[in-house]
PDB file of N, CA and C in Angstrom:
ATOM      1  N   MET A   1     -25.112  60.222 -43.180  1.00  0.00           N
ATOM      2  CA  MET A   1     -24.597  59.787 -41.924  1.00  0.00           C
ATOM      3  C   MET A   1     -23.145  59.361 -42.122  1.00  0.00           C
ATOM      4  N   VAL A   2     -22.329  59.786 -41.233  1.00  0.00           N
ATOM      5  CA  VAL A   2     -20.901  59.510 -41.330  1.00  0.00           C
ATOM      6  C   VAL A   2     -20.516  58.605 -40.164  1.00  0.00           C
ATOM      7  N   LEU A   3     -19.911  57.496 -40.492  1.00  0.00           N
ATOM      8  CA  LEU A   3     -19.427  56.584 -39.453  1.00  0.00           C
ATOM      9  C   LEU A   3     -17.958  56.828 -39.205  1.00  0.00           C
ATOM     10  N   LEU A   4     -17.647  56.999 -37.975  1.00  0.00           N
ATOM     11  CA  LEU A   4     -16.245  57.206 -37.624  1.00  0.00           C
ATOM     12  C   LEU A   4     -15.680  55.893 -37.093  1.00  0.00           C
ATOM     13  N   MET A   5     -14.636  55.455 -37.643  1.00  0.00           N
ATOM     14  CA  MET A   5     -13.982  54.224 -37.219  1.00  0.00           C
ATOM     15  C   MET A   5     -12.795  54.597 -36.358  1.00  0.00           C
ATOM     16  N   ALA A   6     -12.677  53.927 -35.242  1.00  0.00           N
ATOM     17  CA  ALA A   6     -11.536  54.177 -34.358  1.00  0.00           C
ATOM     18  C   ALA A   6     -10.300  53.530 -34.946  1.00  0.00           C
ATOM     19  N   GLN A   7      -9.258  54.270 -34.990  1.00  0.00           N
ATOM     20  CA  GLN A   7      -7.995  53.765 -35.504  1.00  0.00           C
ATOM     21  C   GLN A   7      -7.232  53.103 -34.357  1.00  0.00           C
ATOM     22  N   PRO A   8      -6.766  51.866 -34.571  1.00  0.00           N
ATOM     23  CA  PRO A   8      -5.974  51.245 -33.513  1.00  0.00           C
ATOM     24  C   PRO A   8      -4.638  51.953 -33.371  1.00  0.00           C
ATOM     25  N   ASP A   9      -4.354  52.381 -32.159  1.00  0.00           N
ATOM     26  CA  ASP A   9      -3.098  53.094 -31.937  1.00  0.00           C
ATOM     27  C   ASP A   9      -2.067  52.236 -31.208  1.00  0.00           C
ATOM     28  N   GLY A  10      -2.395  50.989 -30.868  1.00  0.00           N
ATOM     29  CA  GLY A  10      -1.424  50.079 -30.256  1.00  0.00           C
ATOM     30  C   GLY A  10      -1.246  50.288 -28.767  1.00  0.00           C
ATOM     31  N   SER A  11      -2.042  51.134 -28.162  1.00  0.00           N
ATOM     32  CA  SER A  11      -1.851  51.389 -26.738  1.00  0.00           C
ATOM     33  C   SER A  11      -2.292  50.207 -25.874  1.00  0.00           C
ATOM     34  N   GLY A  12      -3.192  49.360 -26.363  1.00  0.00           N
ATOM     35  CA  GLY A  12      -3.661  48.218 -25.591  1.00  0.00           C
ATOM     36  C   GLY A  12      -2.640  47.101 -25.527  1.00  0.00           C
ATOM     37  N   GLY A  13      -1.770  46.968 -26.507  1.00  0.00           N
ATOM     38  CA  GLY A  13      -0.779  45.901 -26.548  1.00  0.00           C
ATOM     39  C   GLY A  13       0.329  46.069 -25.531  1.00  0.00           C
ATOM     40  N   GLY A  14       0.651  47.286 -25.173  1.00  0.00           N
ATOM     41  CA  GLY A  14       1.718  47.541 -24.199  1.00  0.00           C
ATOM     42  C   GLY A  14       1.363  47.025 -22.820  1.00  0.00           C
ATOM     43  N   GLY A  15       0.107  47.122 -22.466  1.00  0.00           N
ATOM     44  CA  GLY A  15      -0.335  46.617 -21.172  1.00  0.00           C
ATOM     45  C   GLY A  15      -0.234  45.107 -21.098  1.00  0.00           C
ATOM     46  N   MET A  16      -0.527  44.447 -22.203  1.00  0.00           N
ATOM     47  CA  MET A  16      -0.442  42.988 -22.271  1.00  0.00           C
ATOM     48  C   MET A  16       1.009  42.539 -22.136  1.00  0.00           C
ATOM     49  N   LEU A  17       1.906  43.249 -22.788  1.00  0.00           N
ATOM     50  CA  LEU A  17       3.327  42.910 -22.706  1.00  0.00           C
ATOM     51  C   LEU A  17       3.841  43.109 -21.284  1.00  0.00           C
ATOM     52  N   GLY A  18       3.387  44.137 -20.635  1.00  0.00           N
ATOM     53  CA  GLY A  18       3.777  44.388 -19.244  1.00  0.00           C
ATOM     54  C   GLY A  18       3.297  43.283 -18.316  1.00  0.00           C
ATOM     55  N   ASN A  19       2.085  42.793 -18.541  1.00  0.00           N
ATOM     56  CA  ASN A  19       1.538  41.702 -17.730  1.00  0.00           C
ATOM     57  C   ASN A  19       2.338  40.421 -17.917  1.00  0.00           C
ATOM     58  N   ILE A  20       2.688  40.119 -19.164  1.00  0.00           N
ATOM     59  CA  ILE A  20       3.478  38.917 -19.436  1.00  0.00           C
ATOM     60  C   ILE A  20       4.840  39.019 -18.769  1.00  0.00           C
ATOM     61  N   PHE A  21       5.465  40.194 -18.851  1.00  0.00           N
ATOM     62  CA  PHE A  21       6.764  40.396 -18.211  1.00  0.00           C
ATOM     63  C   PHE A  21       6.650  40.213 -16.692  1.00  0.00           C
ATOM     64  N   PHE A  22       5.586  40.740 -16.092  1.00  0.00           N
ATOM     65  CA  PHE A  22       5.376  40.616 -14.649  1.00  0.00           C
ATOM     66  C   PHE A  22       5.220  39.146 -14.241  1.00  0.00           C
ATOM     67  N   ILE A  23       4.470  38.375 -14.999  1.00  0.00           N
ATOM     68  CA  ILE A  23       4.276  36.951 -14.700  1.00  0.00           C
ATOM     69  C   ILE A  23       5.587  36.196 -14.835  1.00  0.00           C
ATOM     70  N   LEU A  24       6.357  36.486 -15.875  1.00  0.00           N
ATOM     71  CA  LEU A  24       7.669  35.852 -16.044  1.00  0.00           C
ATOM     72  C   LEU A  24       8.619  36.215 -14.906  1.00  0.00           C
ATOM     73  N   ALA A  25       8.558  37.453 -14.446  1.00  0.00           N
ATOM     74  CA  ALA A  25       9.400  37.879 -13.328  1.00  0.00           C
ATOM     75  C   ALA A  25       9.030  37.119 -12.051  1.00  0.00           C
ATOM     76  N   ILE A  26       7.757  36.891 -11.822  1.00  0.00           N
ATOM     77  CA  ILE A  26       7.320  36.136 -10.644  1.00  0.00           C
ATOM     78  C   ILE A  26       7.829  34.703 -10.721  1.00  0.00           C
ATOM     79  N   PHE A  27       7.739  34.067 -11.894  1.00  0.00           N
ATOM     80  CA  PHE A  27       8.254  32.707 -12.048  1.00  0.00           C
ATOM     81  C   PHE A  27       9.763  32.655 -11.841  1.00  0.00           C
ATOM     82  N   ALA A  28      10.481  33.662 -12.316  1.00  0.00           N
ATOM     83  CA  ALA A  28      11.935  33.703 -12.126  1.00  0.00           C
ATOM     84  C   ALA A  28      12.287  33.810 -10.644  1.00  0.00           C
ATOM     85  N   VAL A  29      11.588  34.651  -9.923  1.00  0.00           N
ATOM     86  CA  VAL A  29      11.836  34.796  -8.484  1.00  0.00           C
ATOM     87  C   VAL A  29      11.524  33.491  -7.761  1.00  0.00           C
ATOM     88  N   MET A  30      10.412  32.856  -8.109  1.00  0.00           N
ATOM     89  CA  MET A  30      10.059  31.579  -7.471  1.00  0.00           C
ATOM     90  C   MET A  30      11.124  30.524  -7.754  1.00  0.00           C
ATOM     91  N   TYR A  31      11.653  30.509  -8.977  1.00  0.00           N
ATOM     92  CA  TYR A  31      12.680  29.527  -9.327  1.00  0.00           C
ATOM     93  C   TYR A  31      13.924  29.726  -8.469  1.00  0.00           C
ATOM     94  N   PHE A  32      14.403  30.963  -8.359  1.00  0.00           N
ATOM     95  CA  PHE A  32      15.648  31.209  -7.637  1.00  0.00           C
ATOM     96  C   PHE A  32      15.483  31.150  -6.126  1.00  0.00           C
ATOM     97  N   LEU A  33      14.290  31.374  -5.608  1.00  0.00           N
ATOM     98  CA  LEU A  33      14.086  31.343  -4.159  1.00  0.00           C
ATOM     99  C   LEU A  33      13.568  30.006  -3.636  1.00  0.00           C
ATOM    100  N   MET A  34      12.907  29.209  -4.484  1.00  0.00           N
ATOM    101  CA  MET A  34      12.298  27.978  -3.994  1.00  0.00           C
ATOM    102  C   MET A  34      12.800  26.736  -4.717  1.00  0.00           C
ATOM    103  N   ILE A  35      12.680  26.689  -6.008  1.00  0.00           N
ATOM    104  CA  ILE A  35      12.956  25.465  -6.757  1.00  0.00           C
ATOM    105  C   ILE A  35      14.442  25.148  -6.793  1.00  0.00           C
ATOM    106  N   ARG A  36      15.277  26.112  -7.109  1.00  0.00           N
ATOM    107  CA  ARG A  36      16.718  25.867  -7.226  1.00  0.00           C
ATOM    108  C   ARG A  36      17.342  25.406  -5.909  1.00  0.00           C
ATOM    109  N   PRO A  37      17.078  26.072  -4.772  1.00  0.00           N
ATOM    110  CA  PRO A  37      17.656  25.577  -3.513  1.00  0.00           C
ATOM    111  C   PRO A  37      17.151  24.191  -3.122  1.00  0.00           C
ATOM    112  N   GLN A  38      15.896  23.896  -3.437  1.00  0.00           N
ATOM    113  CA  GLN A  38      15.350  22.582  -3.108  1.00  0.00           C
ATOM    114  C   GLN A  38      16.029  21.495  -3.932  1.00  0.00           C
ATOM    115  N   ARG A  39      16.273  21.743  -5.201  1.00  0.00           N
ATOM    116  CA  ARG A  39      16.985  20.779  -6.038  1.00  0.00           C
ATOM    117  C   ARG A  39      18.413  20.568  -5.551  1.00  0.00           C
ATOM    118  N   LYS A  40      19.074  21.636  -5.130  1.00  0.00           N
ATOM    119  CA  LYS A  40      20.443  21.530  -4.619  1.00  0.00           C
ATOM    120  C   LYS A  40      20.460  20.680  -3.356  1.00  0.00           C
ATOM    121  N   GLN A  41      19.524  20.915  -2.463  1.00  0.00           N
ATOM    122  CA  GLN A  41      19.434  20.142  -1.230  1.00  0.00           C
ATOM    123  C   GLN A  41      19.143  18.677  -1.531  1.00  0.00           C
ATOM    124  N   GLN A  42      18.306  18.406  -2.511  1.00  0.00           N
ATOM    125  CA  GLN A  42      17.978  17.030  -2.888  1.00  0.00           C
ATOM    126  C   GLN A  42      19.211  16.321  -3.449  1.00  0.00           C
ATOM    127  N   ARG A  43      19.998  17.009  -4.272  1.00  0.00           N
ATOM    128  CA  ARG A  43      21.223  16.410  -4.807  1.00  0.00           C
ATOM    129  C   ARG A  43      22.224  16.110  -3.694  1.00  0.00           C
ATOM    130  N   GLU A  44      22.347  17.027  -2.724  1.00  0.00           N
ATOM    131  CA  GLU A  44      23.257  16.796  -1.599  1.00  0.00           C
ATOM    132  C   GLU A  44      22.810  15.586  -0.783  1.00  0.00           C
ATOM    133  N   ARG A  45      21.515  15.438  -0.570  1.00  0.00           N
ATOM    134  CA  ARG A  45      21.000  14.301   0.193  1.00  0.00           C
ATOM    135  C   ARG A  45      21.260  12.990  -0.541  1.00  0.00           C
ATOM    136  N   GLU A  46      21.023  12.973  -1.861  1.00  0.00           N
ATOM    137  CA  GLU A  46      21.279  11.768  -2.640  1.00  0.00           C
ATOM    138  C   GLU A  46      22.762  11.402  -2.605  1.00  0.00           C
ATOM    139  N   ALA A  47      23.636  12.408  -2.657  1.00  0.00           N
ATOM    140  CA  ALA A  47      25.076  12.151  -2.581  1.00  0.00           C
ATOM    141  C   ALA A  47      25.445  11.580  -1.219  1.00  0.00           C
ATOM    142  N   MET A  48      24.821  12.098  -0.150  1.00  0.00           N
ATOM    143  CA  MET A  48      25.087  11.601   1.190  1.00  0.00           C
ATOM    144  C   MET A  48      24.642  10.151   1.318  1.00  0.00           C
ATOM    145  N   LEU A  49      23.475   9.815   0.776  1.00  0.00           N
ATOM    146  CA  LEU A  49      22.964   8.449   0.881  1.00  0.00           C
ATOM    147  C   LEU A  49      23.790   7.461   0.066  1.00  0.00           C
ATOM    148  N   THR A  50      24.305   7.874  -1.071  1.00  0.00           N
ATOM    149  CA  THR A  50      25.125   6.969  -1.872  1.00  0.00           C
ATOM    150  C   THR A  50      26.524   6.805  -1.299  1.00  0.00           C
ATOM    151  N   ALA A  51      26.988   7.759  -0.491  1.00  0.00           N
ATOM    152  CA  ALA A  51      28.332   7.695   0.072  1.00  0.00           C
ATOM    153  C   ALA A  51      28.374   6.944   1.407  1.00  0.00           C
ATOM    154  N   LEU A  52      27.249   6.422   1.871  1.00  0.00           N
ATOM    155  CA  LEU A  52      27.237   5.694   3.140  1.00  0.00           C
ATOM    156  C   LEU A  52      28.128   4.458   3.046  1.00  0.00           C
ATOM    157  N   LYS A  53      28.798   4.148   4.161  1.00  0.00           N
ATOM    158  CA  LYS A  53      29.644   2.958   4.198  1.00  0.00           C
ATOM    159  C   LYS A  53      29.592   2.352   5.596  1.00  0.00           C
ATOM    160  N   LYS A  54      30.050   1.121   5.710  1.00  0.00           N
ATOM    161  CA  LYS A  54      30.066   0.453   7.011  1.00  0.00           C
ATOM    162  C   LYS A  54      30.923   1.254   7.981  1.00  0.00           C
ATOM    163  N   GLY A  55      30.442   1.322   9.219  1.00  0.00           N
ATOM    164  CA  GLY A  55      31.167   2.040  10.255  1.00  0.00           C
ATOM    165  C   GLY A  55      30.742   3.481  10.430  1.00  0.00           C
ATOM    166  N   ASP A  56      29.983   4.027   9.490  1.00  0.00           N
ATOM    167  CA  ASP A  56      29.508   5.405   9.617  1.00  0.00           C
ATOM    168  C   ASP A  56      28.540   5.522  10.785  1.00  0.00           C
ATOM    169  N   LYS A  57      28.699   6.585  11.545  1.00  0.00           N
ATOM    170  CA  LYS A  57      27.748   6.907  12.611  1.00  0.00           C
ATOM    171  C   LYS A  57      26.632   7.723  11.973  1.00  0.00           C
ATOM    172  N   VAL A  58      25.386   7.287  12.163  1.00  0.00           N
ATOM    173  CA  VAL A  58      24.249   7.932  11.506  1.00  0.00           C
ATOM    174  C   VAL A  58      23.164   8.307  12.502  1.00  0.00           C
ATOM    175  N   LEU A  59      22.338   9.218  12.071  1.00  0.00           N
ATOM    176  CA  LEU A  59      21.137   9.609  12.814  1.00  0.00           C
ATOM    177  C   LEU A  59      19.949   9.218  11.946  1.00  0.00           C
ATOM    178  N   VAL A  60      19.105   8.335  12.477  1.00  0.00           N
ATOM    179  CA  VAL A  60      17.929   7.865  11.749  1.00  0.00           C
ATOM    180  C   VAL A  60      16.819   8.902  11.926  1.00  0.00           C
ATOM    181  N   GLY A  61      15.901   8.960  10.988  1.00  0.00           N
ATOM    182  CA  GLY A  61      14.823   9.942  10.994  1.00  0.00           C
ATOM    183  C   GLY A  61      14.050  10.024  12.297  1.00  0.00           C
ATOM    184  N   GLY A  62      13.925   8.951  13.021  1.00  0.00           N
ATOM    185  CA  GLY A  62      13.196   8.958  14.283  1.00  0.00           C
ATOM    186  C   GLY A  62      14.016   9.451  15.461  1.00  0.00           C
ATOM    187  N   GLY A  63      15.259   9.870  15.223  1.00  0.00           N
ATOM    188  CA  GLY A  63      16.104  10.387  16.286  1.00  0.00           C
ATOM    189  C   GLY A  63      16.993   9.333  16.913  1.00  0.00           C
ATOM    190  N   ILE A  64      17.092   8.175  16.310  1.00  0.00           N
ATOM    191  CA  ILE A  64      17.910   7.095  16.853  1.00  0.00           C
ATOM    192  C   ILE A  64      19.320   7.206  16.285  1.00  0.00           C
ATOM    193  N   HIS A  65      20.302   7.151  17.187  1.00  0.00           N
ATOM    194  CA  HIS A  65      21.702   7.179  16.791  1.00  0.00           C
ATOM    195  C   HIS A  65      22.204   5.750  16.682  1.00  0.00           C
ATOM    196  N   GLY A  66      23.042   5.495  15.702  1.00  0.00           N
ATOM    197  CA  GLY A  66      23.603   4.167  15.558  1.00  0.00           C
ATOM    198  C   GLY A  66      24.755   4.172  14.582  1.00  0.00           C
ATOM    199  N   SER A  67      25.248   2.983  14.307  1.00  0.00           N
ATOM    200  CA  SER A  67      26.338   2.858  13.357  1.00  0.00           C
ATOM    201  C   SER A  67      26.009   1.748  12.370  1.00  0.00           C
ATOM    202  N   ILE A  68      26.401   1.949  11.127  1.00  0.00           N
ATOM    203  CA  ILE A  68      26.076   1.005  10.057  1.00  0.00           C
ATOM    204  C   ILE A  68      26.984  -0.213  10.175  1.00  0.00           C
ATOM    205  N   VAL A  69      26.358  -1.399  10.239  1.00  0.00           N
ATOM    206  CA  VAL A  69      27.134  -2.640  10.319  1.00  0.00           C
ATOM    207  C   VAL A  69      26.892  -3.541   9.113  1.00  0.00           C
ATOM    208  N   GLY A  70      25.893  -3.262   8.322  1.00  0.00           N
ATOM    209  CA  GLY A  70      25.611  -4.055   7.132  1.00  0.00           C
ATOM    210  C   GLY A  70      24.876  -3.216   6.111  1.00  0.00           C
ATOM    211  N   MET A  71      25.100  -3.555   4.829  1.00  0.00           N
ATOM    212  CA  MET A  71      24.481  -2.766   3.771  1.00  0.00           C
ATOM    213  C   MET A  71      23.944  -3.665   2.667  1.00  0.00           C
ATOM    214  N   GLU A  72      22.798  -3.287   2.145  1.00  0.00           N
ATOM    215  CA  GLU A  72      22.243  -3.862   0.932  1.00  0.00           C
ATOM    216  C   GLU A  72      21.929  -2.696   0.006  1.00  0.00           C
ATOM    217  N   GLU A  73      21.315  -3.002  -1.130  1.00  0.00           N
ATOM    218  CA  GLU A  73      21.055  -1.933  -2.095  1.00  0.00           C
ATOM    219  C   GLU A  73      20.139  -0.848  -1.529  1.00  0.00           C
ATOM    220  N   LYS A  74      19.017  -1.249  -0.920  1.00  0.00           N
ATOM    221  CA  LYS A  74      18.046  -0.270  -0.428  1.00  0.00           C
ATOM    222  C   LYS A  74      17.905  -0.253   1.085  1.00  0.00           C
ATOM    223  N   THR A  75      18.512  -1.196   1.774  1.00  0.00           N
ATOM    224  CA  THR A  75      18.371  -1.258   3.224  1.00  0.00           C
ATOM    225  C   THR A  75      19.739  -1.249   3.891  1.00  0.00           C
ATOM    226  N   LEU A  76      19.731  -0.870   5.158  1.00  0.00           N
ATOM    227  CA  LEU A  76      20.944  -0.833   5.971  1.00  0.00           C
ATOM    228  C   LEU A  76      20.676  -1.574   7.269  1.00  0.00           C
ATOM    229  N   LEU A  77      21.710  -2.156   7.827  1.00  0.00           N
ATOM    230  CA  LEU A  77      21.630  -2.775   9.142  1.00  0.00           C
ATOM    231  C   LEU A  77      22.371  -1.847  10.090  1.00  0.00           C
ATOM    232  N   VAL A  78      21.630  -1.259  11.022  1.00  0.00           N
ATOM    233  CA  VAL A  78      22.196  -0.251  11.929  1.00  0.00           C
ATOM    234  C   VAL A  78      22.204  -0.816  13.338  1.00  0.00           C
ATOM    235  N   GLN A  79      23.370  -0.759  13.972  1.00  0.00           N
ATOM    236  CA  GLN A  79      23.492  -1.206  15.362  1.00  0.00           C
ATOM    237  C   GLN A  79      23.243   0.003  16.254  1.00  0.00           C
ATOM    238  N   ILE A  80      22.196  -0.114  17.122  1.00  0.00           N
ATOM    239  CA  ILE A  80      21.837   1.013  17.973  1.00  0.00           C
ATOM    240  C   ILE A  80      22.249   0.795  19.424  1.00  0.00           C
ATOM    241  N   ALA A  81      22.579  -0.443  19.779  1.00  0.00           N
ATOM    242  CA  ALA A  81      23.078  -0.773  21.121  1.00  0.00           C
ATOM    243  C   ALA A  81      23.808  -2.107  21.009  1.00  0.00           C
ATOM    244  N   ASP A  82      24.422  -2.546  22.095  1.00  0.00           N
ATOM    245  CA  ASP A  82      25.096  -3.848  22.071  1.00  0.00           C
ATOM    246  C   ASP A  82      24.074  -4.937  21.769  1.00  0.00           C
ATOM    247  N   ASN A  83      24.358  -5.746  20.771  1.00  0.00           N
ATOM    248  CA  ASN A  83      23.507  -6.856  20.342  1.00  0.00           C
ATOM    249  C   ASN A  83      22.113  -6.426  19.898  1.00  0.00           C
ATOM    250  N   VAL A  84      21.951  -5.165  19.506  1.00  0.00           N
ATOM    251  CA  VAL A  84      20.665  -4.680  18.987  1.00  0.00           C
ATOM    252  C   VAL A  84      20.919  -4.075  17.610  1.00  0.00           C
ATOM    253  N   LYS A  85      20.428  -4.759  16.580  1.00  0.00           N
ATOM    254  CA  LYS A  85      20.595  -4.284  15.213  1.00  0.00           C
ATOM    255  C   LYS A  85      19.215  -4.122  14.585  1.00  0.00           C
ATOM    256  N   VAL A  86      19.058  -3.052  13.836  1.00  0.00           N
ATOM    257  CA  VAL A  86      17.785  -2.721  13.218  1.00  0.00           C
ATOM    258  C   VAL A  86      17.998  -2.597  11.714  1.00  0.00           C
ATOM    259  N   LYS A  87      17.115  -3.211  10.935  1.00  0.00           N
ATOM    260  CA  LYS A  87      17.174  -3.100   9.486  1.00  0.00           C
ATOM    261  C   LYS A  87      16.271  -1.944   9.072  1.00  0.00           C
ATOM    262  N   ILE A  88      16.839  -0.956   8.394  1.00  0.00           N
ATOM    263  CA  ILE A  88      16.071   0.230   7.999  1.00  0.00           C
ATOM    264  C   ILE A  88      16.279   0.523   6.517  1.00  0.00           C
ATOM    265  N   GLU A  89      15.387   1.308   5.961  1.00  0.00           N
ATOM    266  CA  GLU A  89      15.524   1.774   4.591  1.00  0.00           C
ATOM    267  C   GLU A  89      16.632   2.821   4.529  1.00  0.00           C
ATOM    268  N   ARG A  90      17.336   2.838   3.433  1.00  0.00           N
ATOM    269  CA  ARG A  90      18.419   3.806   3.247  1.00  0.00           C
ATOM    270  C   ARG A  90      17.874   5.240   3.326  1.00  0.00           C
ATOM    271  N   SER A  91      16.671   5.454   2.827  1.00  0.00           N
ATOM    272  CA  SER A  91      16.086   6.800   2.822  1.00  0.00           C
ATOM    273  C   SER A  91      15.706   7.293   4.216  1.00  0.00           C
ATOM    274  N   ALA A  92      15.716   6.411   5.229  1.00  0.00           N
ATOM    275  CA  ALA A  92      15.368   6.811   6.594  1.00  0.00           C
ATOM    276  C   ALA A  92      16.521   7.503   7.312  1.00  0.00           C
ATOM    277  N   ILE A  93      17.692   7.511   6.710  1.00  0.00           N
ATOM    278  CA  ILE A  93      18.844   8.162   7.330  1.00  0.00           C
ATOM    279  C   ILE A  93      18.668   9.668   7.215  1.00  0.00           C
ATOM    280  N   ALA A  94      18.689  10.346   8.365  1.00  0.00           N
ATOM    281  CA  ALA A  94      18.547  11.793   8.371  1.00  0.00           C
ATOM    282  C   ALA A  94      19.883  12.474   8.118  1.00  0.00           C
ATOM    283  N   SER A  95      20.950  11.983   8.743  1.00  0.00           N
ATOM    284  CA  SER A  95      22.261  12.580   8.520  1.00  0.00           C
ATOM    285  C   SER A  95      23.356  11.619   8.957  1.00  0.00           C
ATOM    286  N   VAL A  96      24.541  11.884   8.455  1.00  0.00           N
ATOM    287  CA  VAL A  96      25.734  11.149   8.860  1.00  0.00           C
ATOM    288  C   VAL A  96      26.456  12.037   9.851  1.00  0.00           C
ATOM    289  N   LEU A  97      26.749  11.488  11.023  1.00  0.00           N
ATOM    290  CA  LEU A  97      27.404  12.271  12.064  1.00  0.00           C
ATOM    291  C   LEU A  97      28.904  12.304  11.817  1.00  0.00           C
ATOM    292  N   LYS A  98      29.482  13.462  12.025  1.00  0.00           N
ATOM    293  CA  LYS A  98      30.932  13.586  11.916  1.00  0.00           C
ATOM    294  C   LYS A  98      31.556  12.933  13.141  1.00  0.00           C
ATOM    295  N   GLU A  99      32.825  12.608  13.051  1.00  0.00           N
ATOM    296  CA  GLU A  99      33.508  11.913  14.166  1.00  0.00           C
ATOM    297  C   GLU A  99      33.445  12.728  15.448  1.00  0.00           C
ATOM    298  N   ALA A 100      33.589  14.044  15.370  1.00  0.00           N
ATOM    299  CA  ALA A 100      33.536  14.886  16.574  1.00  0.00           C
ATOM    300  C   ALA A 100      32.148  14.827  17.209  1.00  0.00           C
ATOM    301  N   GLU A 101      31.095  14.846  16.393  1.00  0.00           N
ATOM    302  CA  GLU A 101      29.732  14.774  16.913  1.00  0.00           C
ATOM    303  C   GLU A 101      29.451  13.402  17.510  1.00  0.00           C
ATOM    304  N   ALA A 102      29.945  12.353  16.878  1.00  0.00           N
ATOM    305  CA  ALA A 102      29.662  10.992  17.312  1.00  0.00           C
ATOM    306  C   ALA A 102      30.322  10.692  18.647  1.00  0.00           C
ATOM    307  N   THR A 103      31.488  11.221  18.908  1.00  0.00           N
ATOM    308  CA  THR A 103      32.183  10.915  20.148  1.00  0.00           C
ATOM    309  C   THR A 103      31.628  11.713  21.322  1.00  0.00           C
ATOM    310  N   THR A 104      31.029  12.867  21.079  1.00  0.00           N
ATOM    311  CA  THR A 104      30.497  13.668  22.174  1.00  0.00           C
ATOM    312  C   THR A 104      29.111  13.211  22.618  1.00  0.00           C
ATOM    313  N   LYS A 105      28.444  12.424  21.827  1.00  0.00           N
ATOM    314  CA  LYS A 105      27.081  12.022  22.171  1.00  0.00           C
ATOM    315  C   LYS A 105      27.047  10.688  22.826  1.00  0.00           C
TER     316      LYS A 105
END
């Protein structure tokens, strides 16, 4: 009786390498389309929050417009009407209004 042994020809390894390359390509696409822009936006937001100063016209997350009249490390005092001041968290600021936007509203 003669036993025939199959000789490995390496054809199975190429498919594995192709699969690994495909998975790496998917991660690369996800990084450039999702993770990188989100990190950039987060850095811009942090820069905006650290650059806040008294007198800035701001839009609070709830849609309230006001101007900063007092500042602490984590909180802001925002005047939303005459004799109406609200203490809010710094992270609640949605955006800083430009002078042109603030005067038209």
